[in-house]
Amino acid sequence: MAFKATIEADVLRDALGPISALVDE
């Protein structure tokens, strides 16, 4: 599988915040 992506760190950090509060992986 090929995956290549570029995103602003703040955008990804904000998006993952609620998820990381709920689960580890």
PDB file of all heavy atoms in Angstrom:
ATOM      1  N   MET A   1       0.833  -1.166   0.000  1.00  0.00           N
ATOM      2  CA  MET A   1       0.000   0.000   0.000  1.00  0.00           C
ATOM      3  C   MET A   1       0.881   1.235   0.000  1.00  0.00           C
ATOM      4  O   MET A   1       1.818   1.329   0.776  1.00  0.00           O
ATOM      5  CB  MET A   1      -0.910  -0.007   1.224  1.00  0.00           C
ATOM      6  CG  MET A   1      -1.738   1.236   1.320  1.00  0.00           C
ATOM      7  SD  MET A   1      -2.939   1.215   2.641  1.00  0.00           S
ATOM      8  CE  MET A   1      -1.918   1.344   4.051  1.00  0.00           C
ATOM      9  N   ALA A   2       0.570   2.172  -0.844  1.00  0.00           N
ATOM     10  CA  ALA A   2       1.310   3.427  -0.915  1.00  0.00           C
ATOM     11  C   ALA A   2       0.517   4.522  -0.218  1.00  0.00           C
ATOM     12  O   ALA A   2      -0.691   4.636  -0.387  1.00  0.00           O
ATOM     13  CB  ALA A   2       1.546   3.814  -2.366  1.00  0.00           C
ATOM     14  N   PHE A   3       1.234   5.317   0.588  1.00  0.00           N
ATOM     15  CA  PHE A   3       0.597   6.431   1.293  1.00  0.00           C
ATOM     16  C   PHE A   3       1.607   7.542   1.450  1.00  0.00           C
ATOM     17  O   PHE A   3       2.678   7.352   2.015  1.00  0.00           O
ATOM     18  CB  PHE A   3       0.091   5.961   2.656  1.00  0.00           C
ATOM     19  CG  PHE A   3      -0.423   7.076   3.538  1.00  0.00           C
ATOM     20  CD1 PHE A   3      -1.397   7.952   3.096  1.00  0.00           C
ATOM     21  CD2 PHE A   3       0.057   7.232   4.822  1.00  0.00           C
ATOM     22  CE1 PHE A   3      -1.886   8.958   3.913  1.00  0.00           C
ATOM     23  CE2 PHE A   3      -0.423   8.230   5.646  1.00  0.00           C
ATOM     24  CZ  PHE A   3      -1.396   9.096   5.187  1.00  0.00           C
ATOM     25  N   LYS A   4       1.266   8.698   0.924  1.00  0.00           N
ATOM     26  CA  LYS A   4       2.118   9.868   1.054  1.00  0.00           C
ATOM     27  C   LYS A   4       1.207  11.070   1.252  1.00  0.00           C
ATOM     28  O   LYS A   4       0.309  11.308   0.446  1.00  0.00           O
ATOM     29  CB  LYS A   4       2.985  10.058  -0.186  1.00  0.00           C
ATOM     30  CG  LYS A   4       3.971  11.186  -0.048  1.00  0.00           C
ATOM     31  CD  LYS A   4       4.907  11.225  -1.226  1.00  0.00           C
ATOM     32  CE  LYS A   4       5.960  12.298  -1.007  1.00  0.00           C
ATOM     33  NZ  LYS A   4       6.928  12.307  -2.093  1.00  0.00           N
ATOM     34  N   ALA A   5       1.429  11.790   2.358  1.00  0.00           N
ATOM     35  CA  ALA A   5       0.570  12.928   2.654  1.00  0.00           C
ATOM     36  C   ALA A   5       1.361  14.000   3.386  1.00  0.00           C
ATOM     37  O   ALA A   5       2.296  13.706   4.122  1.00  0.00           O
ATOM     38  CB  ALA A   5      -0.609  12.497   3.503  1.00  0.00           C
ATOM     39  N   THR A   6       0.950  15.234   3.185  1.00  0.00           N
ATOM     40  CA  THR A   6       1.520  16.376   3.880  1.00  0.00           C
ATOM     41  C   THR A   6       0.356  17.186   4.440  1.00  0.00           C
ATOM     42  O   THR A   6      -0.596  17.493   3.719  1.00  0.00           O
ATOM     43  CB  THR A   6       2.339  17.261   2.916  1.00  0.00           C
ATOM     44  OG1 THR A   6       3.304  16.456   2.246  1.00  0.00           O
ATOM     45  CG2 THR A   6       3.036  18.370   3.666  1.00  0.00           C
ATOM     46  N   ILE A   7       0.454  17.503   5.735  1.00  0.00           N
ATOM     47  CA  ILE A   7      -0.602  18.270   6.398  1.00  0.00           C
ATOM     48  C   ILE A   7       0.049  19.140   7.464  1.00  0.00           C
ATOM     49  O   ILE A   7       1.108  18.783   8.007  1.00  0.00           O
ATOM     50  CB  ILE A   7      -1.669  17.327   7.013  1.00  0.00           C
ATOM     51  CG1 ILE A   7      -2.900  18.098   7.492  1.00  0.00           C
ATOM     52  CG2 ILE A   7      -1.089  16.486   8.118  1.00  0.00           C
ATOM     53  CD1 ILE A   7      -4.076  17.224   7.889  1.00  0.00           C
ATOM     54  N   GLU A   8      -0.563  20.275   7.753  1.00  0.00           N
ATOM     55  CA  GLU A   8      -0.072  21.137   8.829  1.00  0.00           C
ATOM     56  C   GLU A   8      -0.167  20.381  10.156  1.00  0.00           C
ATOM     57  O   GLU A   8      -1.195  19.752  10.442  1.00  0.00           O
ATOM     58  CB  GLU A   8      -0.891  22.419   8.912  1.00  0.00           C
ATOM     59  CG  GLU A   8      -0.727  23.335   7.720  1.00  0.00           C
ATOM     60  CD  GLU A   8       0.637  23.990   7.676  1.00  0.00           C
ATOM     61  OE1 GLU A   8       1.217  24.281   8.754  1.00  0.00           O
ATOM     62  OE2 GLU A   8       1.138  24.197   6.558  1.00  0.00           O
ATOM     63  N   ALA A   9       0.874  20.429  10.962  1.00  0.00           N
ATOM     64  CA  ALA A   9       0.904  19.708  12.232  1.00  0.00           C
ATOM     65  C   ALA A   9      -0.244  20.128  13.142  1.00  0.00           C
ATOM     66  O   ALA A   9      -0.859  19.287  13.807  1.00  0.00           O
ATOM     67  CB  ALA A   9       2.241  19.917  12.928  1.00  0.00           C
ATOM     68  N   ASP A  10      -0.561  21.425  13.180  1.00  0.00           N
ATOM     69  CA  ASP A  10      -1.648  21.904  14.047  1.00  0.00           C
ATOM     70  C   ASP A  10      -2.998  21.316  13.647  1.00  0.00           C
ATOM     71  O   ASP A  10      -3.816  21.011  14.509  1.00  0.00           O
ATOM     72  CB  ASP A  10      -1.729  23.430  14.020  1.00  0.00           C
ATOM     73  CG  ASP A  10      -0.550  24.082  14.722  1.00  0.00           C
ATOM     74  OD1 ASP A  10       0.115  23.397  15.527  1.00  0.00           O
ATOM     75  OD2 ASP A  10      -0.295  25.270  14.460  1.00  0.00           O
ATOM     76  N   VAL A  11      -3.225  21.161  12.362  1.00  0.00           N
ATOM     77  CA  VAL A  11      -4.492  20.593  11.879  1.00  0.00           C
ATOM     78  C   VAL A  11      -4.628  19.146  12.352  1.00  0.00           C
ATOM     79  O   VAL A  11      -5.659  18.752  12.900  1.00  0.00           O
ATOM     80  CB  VAL A  11      -4.590  20.673  10.337  1.00  0.00           C
ATOM     81  CG1 VAL A  11      -5.808  19.914   9.828  1.00  0.00           C
ATOM     82  CG2 VAL A  11      -4.613  22.115   9.880  1.00  0.00           C
ATOM     83  N   LEU A  12      -3.578  18.372  12.181  1.00  0.00           N
ATOM     84  CA  LEU A  12      -3.619  16.969  12.595  1.00  0.00           C
ATOM     85  C   LEU A  12      -3.675  16.844  14.114  1.00  0.00           C
ATOM     86  O   LEU A  12      -4.426  16.024  14.649  1.00  0.00           O
ATOM     87  CB  LEU A  12      -2.419  16.209  12.033  1.00  0.00           C
ATOM     88  CG  LEU A  12      -2.458  14.696  12.157  1.00  0.00           C
ATOM     89  CD1 LEU A  12      -3.703  14.115  11.506  1.00  0.00           C
ATOM     90  CD2 LEU A  12      -1.211  14.080  11.559  1.00  0.00           C
ATOM     91  N   ARG A  13      -2.931  17.668  14.827  1.00  0.00           N
ATOM     92  CA  ARG A  13      -2.933  17.647  16.291  1.00  0.00           C
ATOM     93  C   ARG A  13      -4.344  17.943  16.819  1.00  0.00           C
ATOM     94  O   ARG A  13      -4.841  17.256  17.713  1.00  0.00           O
ATOM     95  CB  ARG A  13      -1.936  18.654  16.839  1.00  0.00           C
ATOM     96  CG  ARG A  13      -1.741  18.577  18.340  1.00  0.00           C
ATOM     97  CD  ARG A  13      -0.715  19.584  18.856  1.00  0.00           C
ATOM     98  NE  ARG A  13       0.601  19.335  18.320  1.00  0.00           N
ATOM     99  CZ  ARG A  13       1.259  20.194  17.526  1.00  0.00           C
ATOM    100  NH1 ARG A  13       0.726  21.340  17.180  1.00  0.00           N
ATOM    101  NH2 ARG A  13       2.467  19.892  17.070  1.00  0.00           N
ATOM    102  N   ASP A  14      -4.989  18.961  16.273  1.00  0.00           N
ATOM    103  CA  ASP A  14      -6.341  19.313  16.711  1.00  0.00           C
ATOM    104  C   ASP A  14      -7.347  18.214  16.384  1.00  0.00           C
ATOM    105  O   ASP A  14      -8.265  17.948  17.162  1.00  0.00           O
ATOM    106  CB  ASP A  14      -6.791  20.624  16.063  1.00  0.00           C
ATOM    107  CG  ASP A  14      -6.047  21.837  16.597  1.00  0.00           C
ATOM    108  OD1 ASP A  14      -5.373  21.724  17.650  1.00  0.00           O
ATOM    109  OD2 ASP A  14      -6.120  22.896  15.948  1.00  0.00           O
ATOM    110  N   ALA A  15      -7.183  17.577  15.254  1.00  0.00           N
ATOM    111  CA  ALA A  15      -8.103  16.516  14.847  1.00  0.00           C
ATOM    112  C   ALA A  15      -7.938  15.258  15.703  1.00  0.00           C
ATOM    113  O   ALA A  15      -8.922  14.587  16.023  1.00  0.00           O
ATOM    114  CB  ALA A  15      -7.890  16.173  13.375  1.00  0.00           C
ATOM    115  N   LEU A  16      -6.711  14.959  16.096  1.00  0.00           N
ATOM    116  CA  LEU A  16      -6.452  13.731  16.847  1.00  0.00           C
ATOM    117  C   LEU A  16      -6.626  13.890  18.349  1.00  0.00           C
ATOM    118  O   LEU A  16      -6.705  12.893  19.067  1.00  0.00           O
ATOM    119  CB  LEU A  16      -5.041  13.214  16.551  1.00  0.00           C
ATOM    120  CG  LEU A  16      -4.796  12.744  15.130  1.00  0.00           C
ATOM    121  CD1 LEU A  16      -3.354  12.307  14.963  1.00  0.00           C
ATOM    122  CD2 LEU A  16      -5.739  11.620  14.754  1.00  0.00           C
ATOM    123  N   GLY A  17      -6.724  15.115  18.843  1.00  0.00           N
ATOM    124  CA  GLY A  17      -6.843  15.356  20.281  1.00  0.00           C
ATOM    125  C   GLY A  17      -7.970  14.586  20.948  1.00  0.00           C
ATOM    126  O   GLY A  17      -7.732  13.854  21.922  1.00  0.00           O
ATOM    127  N   PRO A  18      -9.202  14.705  20.467  1.00  0.00           N
ATOM    128  CA  PRO A  18     -10.300  13.964  21.107  1.00  0.00           C
ATOM    129  C   PRO A  18     -10.143  12.447  20.998  1.00  0.00           C
ATOM    130  O   PRO A  18     -10.535  11.713  21.901  1.00  0.00           O
ATOM    131  CB  PRO A  18     -11.543  14.408  20.332  1.00  0.00           C
ATOM    132  CG  PRO A  18     -11.161  15.690  19.683  1.00  0.00           C
ATOM    133  CD  PRO A  18      -9.689  15.597  19.427  1.00  0.00           C
ATOM    134  N   ILE A  19      -9.554  11.986  19.920  1.00  0.00           N
ATOM    135  CA  ILE A  19      -9.380  10.540  19.743  1.00  0.00           C
ATOM    136  C   ILE A  19      -8.340  10.003  20.709  1.00  0.00           C
ATOM    137  O   ILE A  19      -8.534   8.971  21.341  1.00  0.00           O
ATOM    138  CB  ILE A  19      -9.011  10.211  18.279  1.00  0.00           C
ATOM    139  CG1 ILE A  19     -10.177  10.570  17.373  1.00  0.00           C
ATOM    140  CG2 ILE A  19      -8.657   8.733  18.129  1.00  0.00           C
ATOM    141  CD1 ILE A  19      -9.885  10.448  15.907  1.00  0.00           C
ATOM    142  N   SER A  20      -7.213  10.717  20.869  1.00  0.00           N
ATOM    143  CA  SER A  20      -6.162  10.243  21.764  1.00  0.00           C
ATOM    144  C   SER A  20      -6.600  10.289  23.223  1.00  0.00           C
ATOM    145  O   SER A  20      -6.039   9.582  24.056  1.00  0.00           O
ATOM    146  CB  SER A  20      -4.871  11.036  21.551  1.00  0.00           C
ATOM    147  OG  SER A  20      -5.059  12.393  21.868  1.00  0.00           O
ATOM    148  N   ALA A  21      -7.607  11.105  23.555  1.00  0.00           N
ATOM    149  CA  ALA A  21      -8.155  11.107  24.911  1.00  0.00           C
ATOM    150  C   ALA A  21      -8.994   9.855  25.168  1.00  0.00           C
ATOM    151  O   ALA A  21      -9.210   9.470  26.317  1.00  0.00           O
ATOM    152  CB  ALA A  21      -9.005  12.354  25.131  1.00  0.00           C
ATOM    153  N   LEU A  22      -9.430   9.211  24.092  1.00  0.00           N
ATOM    154  CA  LEU A  22     -10.330   8.058  24.199  1.00  0.00           C
ATOM    155  C   LEU A  22      -9.603   6.719  24.061  1.00  0.00           C
ATOM    156  O   LEU A  22      -9.892   5.778  24.788  1.00  0.00           O
ATOM    157  CB  LEU A  22     -11.409   8.171  23.114  1.00  0.00           C
ATOM    158  CG  LEU A  22     -12.549   7.189  23.127  1.00  0.00           C
ATOM    159  CD1 LEU A  22     -13.428   7.409  24.354  1.00  0.00           C
ATOM    160  CD2 LEU A  22     -13.382   7.356  21.865  1.00  0.00           C
ATOM    161  N   VAL A  23      -8.669   6.634  23.114  1.00  0.00           N
ATOM    162  CA  VAL A  23      -7.978   5.374  22.821  1.00  0.00           C
ATOM    163  C   VAL A  23      -6.476   5.600  22.644  1.00  0.00           C
ATOM    164  O   VAL A  23      -6.034   6.724  22.428  1.00  0.00           O
ATOM    165  CB  VAL A  23      -8.539   4.700  21.541  1.00  0.00           C
ATOM    166  CG1 VAL A  23      -9.996   4.340  21.710  1.00  0.00           C
ATOM    167  CG2 VAL A  23      -8.352   5.590  20.333  1.00  0.00           C
ATOM    168  N   ASP A  24      -5.702   4.512  22.714  1.00  0.00           N
ATOM    169  CA  ASP A  24      -4.254   4.582  22.534  1.00  0.00           C
ATOM    170  C   ASP A  24      -3.842   4.332  21.088  1.00  0.00           C
ATOM    171  O   ASP A  24      -2.801   4.812  20.648  1.00  0.00           O
ATOM    172  CB  ASP A  24      -3.553   3.552  23.426  1.00  0.00           C
ATOM    173  CG  ASP A  24      -3.764   3.847  24.899  1.00  0.00           C
ATOM    174  OD1 ASP A  24      -3.851   5.035  25.266  1.00  0.00           O
ATOM    175  OD2 ASP A  24      -3.855   2.882  25.687  1.00  0.00           O
ATOM    176  N   GLU A  25      -4.627   3.533  20.390  1.00  0.00           N
ATOM    177  CA  GLU A  25      -4.323   3.232  18.992  1.00  0.00           C
ATOM    178  C   GLU A  25      -5.625   3.091  18.222  1.00  0.00           C
ATOM    179  O   GLU A  25      -6.682   2.854  18.802  1.00  0.00           O
ATOM    180  CB  GLU A  25      -3.478   1.972  18.859  1.00  0.00           C
ATOM    181  CG  GLU A  25      -4.098   0.738  19.442  1.00  0.00           C
ATOM    182  CD  GLU A  25      -3.159  -0.451  19.402  1.00  0.00           C
ATOM    183  OE1 GLU A  25      -1.966  -0.304  19.647  1.00  0.00           O
ATOM    184  OE2 GLU A  25      -3.671  -1.547  19.108  1.00  0.00           O
TER     185      GLU A  25
END
